[in-house]
């Protein structure tokens, strides 16, 4: 399993390097009060995807993981989905 994870990680790193190499055009990013001019298109897109993934992870942690940990520490059972009604068809 570790080998498979390592191969996937290497694959995504190689794809990221390839993506960055194919998109070398310089871009200017205007942030309102400041601007960034020295980034390539590939680098700026990869950084945007990485920032989005980190922010999504923080939102999931704050809205799902922390409340469930809090419930487990209090000893309350986690909410479960209602069992579907079973009909007897004879």
Foldseek 3Di string as FASTA:
>chain_A
DVVVVVVVVVVVVVVLVVQCVVFQDWDWADPPVDIDTGDTPSVVVVVVVVVVVVVVVVVCCVPPVVVVVVCVVVVHDDDDDDDDDDDDDD
